[in-house]
Amino acid sequence: MTDNKRLVPEKYDVNAKWDDCLDLTVRRFVYSSAAGAFGGLLFFRSPVTRWASVALGAGIGIGSAYTECSRNFYGYDAPVSQDGKQ
């Protein structure tokens, strides 16, 4: 019996792109939050500023993952015109 499955080109495989995106987002969120926690413990004494450094690290991780995922889905960074519209 032959297998008549069609292989989807990598460019159009949305499921693989979503899997890569979720994996990248979780990893960058965890690693950058851990780096923010370490930096907060090292540099700050107040619990509020320590949590702020963790939040900053998490935001940087999610933002960089979002940028990388948009490149994977669209193939480029979306250009922004002078009036702010895409």
PDB file of N, CA and C in Angstrom:
ATOM      1  N   MET A   1       0.838  -1.164   0.000  1.00  0.00           N
ATOM      2  CA  MET A   1       0.000   0.000   0.000  1.00  0.00           C
ATOM      3  C   MET A   1       0.894   1.241   0.000  1.00  0.00           C
ATOM      4  N   THR A   2       0.641   2.154  -0.870  1.00  0.00           N
ATOM      5  CA  THR A   2       1.465   3.354  -0.957  1.00  0.00           C
ATOM      6  C   THR A   2       0.876   4.462  -0.108  1.00  0.00           C
ATOM      7  N   ASP A   3       1.742   5.304   0.351  1.00  0.00           N
ATOM      8  CA  ASP A   3       1.321   6.443   1.160  1.00  0.00           C
ATOM      9  C   ASP A   3       1.254   7.666   0.254  1.00  0.00           C
ATOM     10  N   ASN A   4       0.050   8.149   0.017  1.00  0.00           N
ATOM     11  CA  ASN A   4      -0.159   9.271  -0.902  1.00  0.00           C
ATOM     12  C   ASN A   4      -0.215  10.607  -0.175  1.00  0.00           C
ATOM     13  N   LYS A   5       0.490  10.700   0.913  1.00  0.00           N
ATOM     14  CA  LYS A   5       0.508  11.949   1.667  1.00  0.00           C
ATOM     15  C   LYS A   5       1.296  12.999   0.901  1.00  0.00           C
ATOM     16  N   ARG A   6       0.751  14.187   0.850  1.00  0.00           N
ATOM     17  CA  ARG A   6       1.493  15.294   0.249  1.00  0.00           C
ATOM     18  C   ARG A   6       2.309  15.980   1.320  1.00  0.00           C
ATOM     19  N   LEU A   7       3.511  16.306   0.973  1.00  0.00           N
ATOM     20  CA  LEU A   7       4.353  17.060   1.898  1.00  0.00           C
ATOM     21  C   LEU A   7       4.117  18.546   1.668  1.00  0.00           C
ATOM     22  N   VAL A   8       3.820  19.234   2.735  1.00  0.00           N
ATOM     23  CA  VAL A   8       3.584  20.671   2.654  1.00  0.00           C
ATOM     24  C   VAL A   8       4.933  21.371   2.658  1.00  0.00           C
ATOM     25  N   PRO A   9       5.160  22.277   1.725  1.00  0.00           N
ATOM     26  CA  PRO A   9       6.423  23.021   1.758  1.00  0.00           C
ATOM     27  C   PRO A   9       6.579  23.778   3.073  1.00  0.00           C
ATOM     28  N   GLU A  10       7.803  23.907   3.502  1.00  0.00           N
ATOM     29  CA  GLU A  10       8.084  24.543   4.788  1.00  0.00           C
ATOM     30  C   GLU A  10       7.536  25.968   4.862  1.00  0.00           C
ATOM     31  N   LYS A  11       7.506  26.637   3.737  1.00  0.00           N
ATOM     32  CA  LYS A  11       7.026  28.018   3.694  1.00  0.00           C
ATOM     33  C   LYS A  11       5.552  28.113   4.083  1.00  0.00           C
ATOM     34  N   TYR A  12       4.761  27.062   3.813  1.00  0.00           N
ATOM     35  CA  TYR A  12       3.322  27.094   4.046  1.00  0.00           C
ATOM     36  C   TYR A  12       2.872  26.224   5.214  1.00  0.00           C
ATOM     37  N   ASP A  13       3.790  25.638   5.945  1.00  0.00           N
ATOM     38  CA  ASP A  13       3.440  24.763   7.061  1.00  0.00           C
ATOM     39  C   ASP A  13       3.171  25.603   8.311  1.00  0.00           C
ATOM     40  N   VAL A  14       1.916  25.993   8.490  1.00  0.00           N
ATOM     41  CA  VAL A  14       1.538  26.894   9.577  1.00  0.00           C
ATOM     42  C   VAL A  14       1.659  26.198  10.934  1.00  0.00           C
ATOM     43  N   ASN A  15       1.349  24.911  10.995  1.00  0.00           N
ATOM     44  CA  ASN A  15       1.441  24.196  12.266  1.00  0.00           C
ATOM     45  C   ASN A  15       2.872  24.172  12.793  1.00  0.00           C
ATOM     46  N   ALA A  16       3.825  23.949  11.913  1.00  0.00           N
ATOM     47  CA  ALA A  16       5.229  23.948  12.340  1.00  0.00           C
ATOM     48  C   ALA A  16       5.664  25.340  12.771  1.00  0.00           C
ATOM     49  N   LYS A  17       5.168  26.362  12.096  1.00  0.00           N
ATOM     50  CA  LYS A  17       5.502  27.735  12.482  1.00  0.00           C
ATOM     51  C   LYS A  17       4.952  28.068  13.856  1.00  0.00           C
ATOM     52  N   TRP A  18       3.708  27.645  14.142  1.00  0.00           N
ATOM     53  CA  TRP A  18       3.124  27.896  15.460  1.00  0.00           C
ATOM     54  C   TRP A  18       3.884  27.141  16.542  1.00  0.00           C
ATOM     55  N   ASP A  19       4.268  25.898  16.254  1.00  0.00           N
ATOM     56  CA  ASP A  19       5.044  25.130  17.233  1.00  0.00           C
ATOM     57  C   ASP A  19       6.364  25.814  17.542  1.00  0.00           C
ATOM     58  N   ASP A  20       7.055  26.257  16.502  1.00  0.00           N
ATOM     59  CA  ASP A  20       8.323  26.965  16.701  1.00  0.00           C
ATOM     60  C   ASP A  20       8.117  28.258  17.479  1.00  0.00           C
ATOM     61  N   CYS A  21       7.036  28.960  17.160  1.00  0.00           N
ATOM     62  CA  CYS A  21       6.744  30.232  17.826  1.00  0.00           C
ATOM     63  C   CYS A  21       6.466  30.042  19.311  1.00  0.00           C
ATOM     64  N   LEU A  22       5.640  29.075  19.645  1.00  0.00           N
ATOM     65  CA  LEU A  22       5.320  28.827  21.050  1.00  0.00           C
ATOM     66  C   LEU A  22       6.554  28.382  21.830  1.00  0.00           C
ATOM     67  N   ASP A  23       7.358  27.523  21.225  1.00  0.00           N
ATOM     68  CA  ASP A  23       8.578  27.068  21.875  1.00  0.00           C
ATOM     69  C   ASP A  23       9.540  28.238  22.112  1.00  0.00           C
ATOM     70  N   LEU A  24       9.717  29.065  21.109  1.00  0.00           N
ATOM     71  CA  LEU A  24      10.598  30.221  21.221  1.00  0.00           C
ATOM     72  C   LEU A  24      10.098  31.210  22.267  1.00  0.00           C
ATOM     73  N   THR A  25       8.793  31.452  22.295  1.00  0.00           N
ATOM     74  CA  THR A  25       8.218  32.397  23.253  1.00  0.00           C
ATOM     75  C   THR A  25       8.400  31.914  24.685  1.00  0.00           C
ATOM     76  N   VAL A  26       8.124  30.653  24.938  1.00  0.00           N
ATOM     77  CA  VAL A  26       8.266  30.124  26.298  1.00  0.00           C
ATOM     78  C   VAL A  26       9.724  30.167  26.742  1.00  0.00           C
ATOM     79  N   ARG A  27      10.632  29.740  25.857  1.00  0.00           N
ATOM     80  CA  ARG A  27      12.047  29.748  26.229  1.00  0.00           C
ATOM     81  C   ARG A  27      12.563  31.158  26.511  1.00  0.00           C
ATOM     82  N   ARG A  28      12.241  32.100  25.640  1.00  0.00           N
ATOM     83  CA  ARG A  28      12.735  33.469  25.855  1.00  0.00           C
ATOM     84  C   ARG A  28      12.099  34.116  27.072  1.00  0.00           C
ATOM     85  N   PHE A  29      10.823  33.834  27.329  1.00  0.00           N
ATOM     86  CA  PHE A  29      10.157  34.356  28.514  1.00  0.00           C
ATOM     87  C   PHE A  29      10.834  33.834  29.784  1.00  0.00           C
ATOM     88  N   VAL A  30      11.073  32.546  29.836  1.00  0.00           N
ATOM     89  CA  VAL A  30      11.670  31.943  31.041  1.00  0.00           C
ATOM     90  C   VAL A  30      13.108  32.415  31.232  1.00  0.00           C
ATOM     91  N   TYR A  31      13.895  32.384  30.179  1.00  0.00           N
ATOM     92  CA  TYR A  31      15.309  32.764  30.308  1.00  0.00           C
ATOM     93  C   TYR A  31      15.470  34.235  30.662  1.00  0.00           C
ATOM     94  N   SER A  32      14.693  35.102  30.036  1.00  0.00           N
ATOM     95  CA  SER A  32      14.855  36.524  30.324  1.00  0.00           C
ATOM     96  C   SER A  32      14.266  36.881  31.685  1.00  0.00           C
ATOM     97  N   SER A  33      13.216  36.177  32.119  1.00  0.00           N
ATOM     98  CA  SER A  33      12.707  36.389  33.474  1.00  0.00           C
ATOM     99  C   SER A  33      13.730  35.943  34.507  1.00  0.00           C
ATOM    100  N   ALA A  34      14.390  34.831  34.249  1.00  0.00           N
ATOM    101  CA  ALA A  34      15.435  34.357  35.165  1.00  0.00           C
ATOM    102  C   ALA A  34      16.606  35.335  35.204  1.00  0.00           C
ATOM    103  N   ALA A  35      16.965  35.880  34.055  1.00  0.00           N
ATOM    104  CA  ALA A  35      18.043  36.869  34.026  1.00  0.00           C
ATOM    105  C   ALA A  35      17.639  38.133  34.779  1.00  0.00           C
ATOM    106  N   GLY A  36      16.385  38.542  34.636  1.00  0.00           N
ATOM    107  CA  GLY A  36      15.885  39.698  35.385  1.00  0.00           C
ATOM    108  C   GLY A  36      15.861  39.439  36.881  1.00  0.00           C
ATOM    109  N   ALA A  37      15.492  38.219  37.279  1.00  0.00           N
ATOM    110  CA  ALA A  37      15.491  37.866  38.698  1.00  0.00           C
ATOM    111  C   ALA A  37      16.906  37.863  39.263  1.00  0.00           C
ATOM    112  N   PHE A  38      17.833  37.319  38.508  1.00  0.00           N
ATOM    113  CA  PHE A  38      19.227  37.305  38.952  1.00  0.00           C
ATOM    114  C   PHE A  38      19.775  38.724  39.055  1.00  0.00           C
ATOM    115  N   GLY A  39      19.495  39.545  38.048  1.00  0.00           N
ATOM    116  CA  GLY A  39      19.933  40.940  38.088  1.00  0.00           C
ATOM    117  C   GLY A  39      19.289  41.703  39.222  1.00  0.00           C
ATOM    118  N   GLY A  40      18.021  41.420  39.500  1.00  0.00           N
ATOM    119  CA  GLY A  40      17.330  42.068  40.608  1.00  0.00           C
ATOM    120  C   GLY A  40      17.929  41.683  41.954  1.00  0.00           C
ATOM    121  N   LEU A  41      18.255  40.419  42.115  1.00  0.00           N
ATOM    122  CA  LEU A  41      18.889  39.984  43.363  1.00  0.00           C
ATOM    123  C   LEU A  41      20.281  40.574  43.528  1.00  0.00           C
ATOM    124  N   LEU A  42      20.951  40.755  42.417  1.00  0.00           N
ATOM    125  CA  LEU A  42      22.320  41.247  42.457  1.00  0.00           C
ATOM    126  C   LEU A  42      22.388  42.756  42.697  1.00  0.00           C
ATOM    127  N   PHE A  43      21.478  43.511  42.098  1.00  0.00           N
ATOM    128  CA  PHE A  43      21.595  44.966  42.114  1.00  0.00           C
ATOM    129  C   PHE A  43      20.614  45.714  43.020  1.00  0.00           C
ATOM    130  N   PHE A  44      19.471  45.117  43.328  1.00  0.00           N
ATOM    131  CA  PHE A  44      18.432  45.852  44.041  1.00  0.00           C
ATOM    132  C   PHE A  44      18.144  45.235  45.401  1.00  0.00           C
ATOM    133  N   ARG A  45      17.716  46.083  46.342  1.00  0.00           N
ATOM    134  CA  ARG A  45      17.387  45.604  47.684  1.00  0.00           C
ATOM    135  C   ARG A  45      15.890  45.538  47.926  1.00  0.00           C
ATOM    136  N   SER A  46      15.152  46.403  47.316  1.00  0.00           N
ATOM    137  CA  SER A  46      13.715  46.472  47.533  1.00  0.00           C
ATOM    138  C   SER A  46      12.998  45.378  46.726  1.00  0.00           C
ATOM    139  N   PRO A  47      12.009  44.719  47.318  1.00  0.00           N
ATOM    140  CA  PRO A  47      11.255  43.701  46.569  1.00  0.00           C
ATOM    141  C   PRO A  47      10.523  44.274  45.346  1.00  0.00           C
ATOM    142  N   VAL A  48      10.110  45.518  45.439  1.00  0.00           N
ATOM    143  CA  VAL A  48       9.393  46.125  44.310  1.00  0.00           C
ATOM    144  C   VAL A  48      10.319  46.270  43.109  1.00  0.00           C
ATOM    145  N   THR A  49      11.520  46.737  43.327  1.00  0.00           N
ATOM    146  CA  THR A  49      12.444  46.899  42.201  1.00  0.00           C
ATOM    147  C   THR A  49      12.921  45.546  41.686  1.00  0.00           C
ATOM    148  N   ARG A  50      12.993  44.557  42.549  1.00  0.00           N
ATOM    149  CA  ARG A  50      13.357  43.213  42.078  1.00  0.00           C
ATOM    150  C   ARG A  50      12.274  42.657  41.157  1.00  0.00           C
ATOM    151  N   TRP A  51      11.014  42.828  41.560  1.00  0.00           N
ATOM    152  CA  TRP A  51       9.924  42.370  40.704  1.00  0.00           C
ATOM    153  C   TRP A  51       9.862  43.173  39.409  1.00  0.00           C
ATOM    154  N   ALA A  52      10.204  44.440  39.490  1.00  0.00           N
ATOM    155  CA  ALA A  52      10.218  45.265  38.282  1.00  0.00           C
ATOM    156  C   ALA A  52      11.284  44.779  37.305  1.00  0.00           C
ATOM    157  N   SER A  53      12.439  44.346  37.827  1.00  0.00           N
ATOM    158  CA  SER A  53      13.471  43.833  36.926  1.00  0.00           C
ATOM    159  C   SER A  53      13.050  42.503  36.305  1.00  0.00           C
ATOM    160  N   VAL A  54      12.306  41.688  37.054  1.00  0.00           N
ATOM    161  CA  VAL A  54      11.774  40.443  36.485  1.00  0.00           C
ATOM    162  C   VAL A  54      10.762  40.762  35.383  1.00  0.00           C
ATOM    163  N   ALA A  55       9.898  41.737  35.630  1.00  0.00           N
ATOM    164  CA  ALA A  55       8.900  42.128  34.628  1.00  0.00           C
ATOM    165  C   ALA A  55       9.562  42.716  33.386  1.00  0.00           C
ATOM    166  N   LEU A  56      10.601  43.492  33.582  1.00  0.00           N
ATOM    167  CA  LEU A  56      11.330  44.049  32.430  1.00  0.00           C
ATOM    168  C   LEU A  56      11.953  42.929  31.610  1.00  0.00           C
ATOM    169  N   GLY A  57      12.571  41.977  32.282  1.00  0.00           N
ATOM    170  CA  GLY A  57      13.160  40.843  31.567  1.00  0.00           C
ATOM    171  C   GLY A  57      12.117  40.042  30.811  1.00  0.00           C
ATOM    172  N   ALA A  58      10.962  39.810  31.443  1.00  0.00           N
ATOM    173  CA  ALA A  58       9.894  39.065  30.776  1.00  0.00           C
ATOM    174  C   ALA A  58       9.381  39.827  29.555  1.00  0.00           C
ATOM    175  N   GLY A  59       9.247  41.132  29.674  1.00  0.00           N
ATOM    176  CA  GLY A  59       8.793  41.936  28.543  1.00  0.00           C
ATOM    177  C   GLY A  59       9.777  41.923  27.387  1.00  0.00           C
ATOM    178  N   ILE A  60      11.046  41.973  27.715  1.00  0.00           N
ATOM    179  CA  ILE A  60      12.060  41.914  26.663  1.00  0.00           C
ATOM    180  C   ILE A  60      12.029  40.552  25.971  1.00  0.00           C
ATOM    181  N   GLY A  61      11.857  39.491  26.743  1.00  0.00           N
ATOM    182  CA  GLY A  61      11.788  38.151  26.157  1.00  0.00           C
ATOM    183  C   GLY A  61      10.592  37.966  25.248  1.00  0.00           C
ATOM    184  N   ILE A  62       9.430  38.436  25.694  1.00  0.00           N
ATOM    185  CA  ILE A  62       8.224  38.298  24.877  1.00  0.00           C
ATOM    186  C   ILE A  62       8.315  39.178  23.636  1.00  0.00           C
ATOM    187  N   GLY A  63       8.867  40.362  23.782  1.00  0.00           N
ATOM    188  CA  GLY A  63       9.011  41.251  22.629  1.00  0.00           C
ATOM    189  C   GLY A  63       9.951  40.703  21.579  1.00  0.00           C
ATOM    190  N   SER A  64      11.061  40.138  22.003  1.00  0.00           N
ATOM    191  CA  SER A  64      11.992  39.574  21.024  1.00  0.00           C
ATOM    192  C   SER A  64      11.413  38.322  20.371  1.00  0.00           C
ATOM    193  N   ALA A  65      10.636  37.538  21.123  1.00  0.00           N
ATOM    194  CA  ALA A  65       9.981  36.366  20.534  1.00  0.00           C
ATOM    195  C   ALA A  65       8.916  36.794  19.525  1.00  0.00           C
ATOM    196  N   TYR A  66       8.188  37.863  19.838  1.00  0.00           N
ATOM    197  CA  TYR A  66       7.184  38.370  18.904  1.00  0.00           C
ATOM    198  C   TYR A  66       7.832  38.825  17.590  1.00  0.00           C
ATOM    199  N   THR A  67       8.952  39.504  17.701  1.00  0.00           N
ATOM    200  CA  THR A  67       9.653  39.965  16.500  1.00  0.00           C
ATOM    201  C   THR A  67      10.119  38.787  15.655  1.00  0.00           C
ATOM    202  N   GLU A  68      10.686  37.782  16.299  1.00  0.00           N
ATOM    203  CA  GLU A  68      11.170  36.614  15.570  1.00  0.00           C
ATOM    204  C   GLU A  68      10.012  35.832  14.945  1.00  0.00           C
ATOM    205  N   CYS A  69       8.897  35.731  15.651  1.00  0.00           N
ATOM    206  CA  CYS A  69       7.738  35.020  15.105  1.00  0.00           C
ATOM    207  C   CYS A  69       7.133  35.768  13.917  1.00  0.00           C
ATOM    208  N   SER A  70       7.113  37.086  13.969  1.00  0.00           N
ATOM    209  CA  SER A  70       6.593  37.829  12.825  1.00  0.00           C
ATOM    210  C   SER A  70       7.492  37.658  11.614  1.00  0.00           C
ATOM    211  N   ARG A  71       8.781  37.530  11.842  1.00  0.00           N
ATOM    212  CA  ARG A  71       9.687  37.232  10.721  1.00  0.00           C
ATOM    213  C   ARG A  71       9.410  35.848  10.157  1.00  0.00           C
ATOM    214  N   ASN A  72       9.137  34.875  11.035  1.00  0.00           N
ATOM    215  CA  ASN A  72       8.862  33.516  10.556  1.00  0.00           C
ATOM    216  C   ASN A  72       7.561  33.446   9.773  1.00  0.00           C
ATOM    217  N   PHE A  73       6.536  34.144  10.222  1.00  0.00           N
ATOM    218  CA  PHE A  73       5.247  34.077   9.542  1.00  0.00           C
ATOM    219  C   PHE A  73       5.214  34.911   8.276  1.00  0.00           C
ATOM    220  N   TYR A  74       5.773  36.112   8.313  1.00  0.00           N
ATOM    221  CA  TYR A  74       5.654  37.024   7.179  1.00  0.00           C
ATOM    222  C   TYR A  74       6.916  37.123   6.340  1.00  0.00           C
ATOM    223  N   GLY A  75       8.009  36.626   6.838  1.00  0.00           N
ATOM    224  CA  GLY A  75       9.243  36.616   6.072  1.00  0.00           C
ATOM    225  C   GLY A  75      10.026  37.906   6.139  1.00  0.00           C
ATOM    226  N   TYR A  76       9.566  38.886   6.859  1.00  0.00           N
ATOM    227  CA  TYR A  76      10.238  40.169   6.974  1.00  0.00           C
ATOM    228  C   TYR A  76       9.650  40.929   8.139  1.00  0.00           C
ATOM    229  N   ASP A  77      10.281  42.006   8.494  1.00  0.00           N
ATOM    230  CA  ASP A  77       9.691  42.916   9.462  1.00  0.00           C
ATOM    231  C   ASP A  77       8.705  43.800   8.731  1.00  0.00           C
ATOM    232  N   ALA A  78       7.515  43.926   9.257  1.00  0.00           N
ATOM    233  CA  ALA A  78       6.495  44.733   8.602  1.00  0.00           C
ATOM    234  C   ALA A  78       6.935  46.195   8.591  1.00  0.00           C
ATOM    235  N   PRO A  79       7.032  46.810   7.417  1.00  0.00           N
ATOM    236  CA  PRO A  79       7.459  48.203   7.374  1.00  0.00           C
ATOM    237  C   PRO A  79       6.360  49.134   7.868  1.00  0.00           C
ATOM    238  N   VAL A  80       6.772  50.180   8.518  1.00  0.00           N
ATOM    239  CA  VAL A  80       5.842  51.187   9.013  1.00  0.00           C
ATOM    240  C   VAL A  80       6.073  52.465   8.211  1.00  0.00           C
ATOM    241  N   SER A  81       4.982  53.001   7.670  1.00  0.00           N
ATOM    242  CA  SER A  81       5.120  54.215   6.871  1.00  0.00           C
ATOM    243  C   SER A  81       5.228  55.430   7.785  1.00  0.00           C
ATOM    244  N   GLN A  82       5.367  56.581   7.192  1.00  0.00           N
ATOM    245  CA  GLN A  82       5.550  57.827   7.955  1.00  0.00           C
ATOM    246  C   GLN A  82       4.328  58.163   8.803  1.00  0.00           C
ATOM    247  N   ASP A  83       3.142  57.791   8.360  1.00  0.00           N
ATOM    248  CA  ASP A  83       1.939  58.125   9.113  1.00  0.00           C
ATOM    249  C   ASP A  83       1.600  57.073  10.163  1.00  0.00           C
ATOM    250  N   GLY A  84       2.440  56.053  10.343  1.00  0.00           N
ATOM    251  CA  GLY A  84       2.245  55.072  11.392  1.00  0.00           C
ATOM    252  C   GLY A  84       1.396  53.886  11.010  1.00  0.00           C
ATOM    253  N   LYS A  85       0.907  53.843   9.774  1.00  0.00           N
ATOM    254  CA  LYS A  85       0.096  52.719   9.312  1.00  0.00           C
ATOM    255  C   LYS A  85       0.979  51.695   8.631  1.00  0.00           C
ATOM    256  N   GLN A  86       0.546  50.441   8.699  1.00  0.00           N
ATOM    257  CA  GLN A  86       1.336  49.387   8.045  1.00  0.00           C
ATOM    258  C   GLN A  86       0.800  49.099   6.675  1.00  0.00           C
TER     259      GLN A  86
END
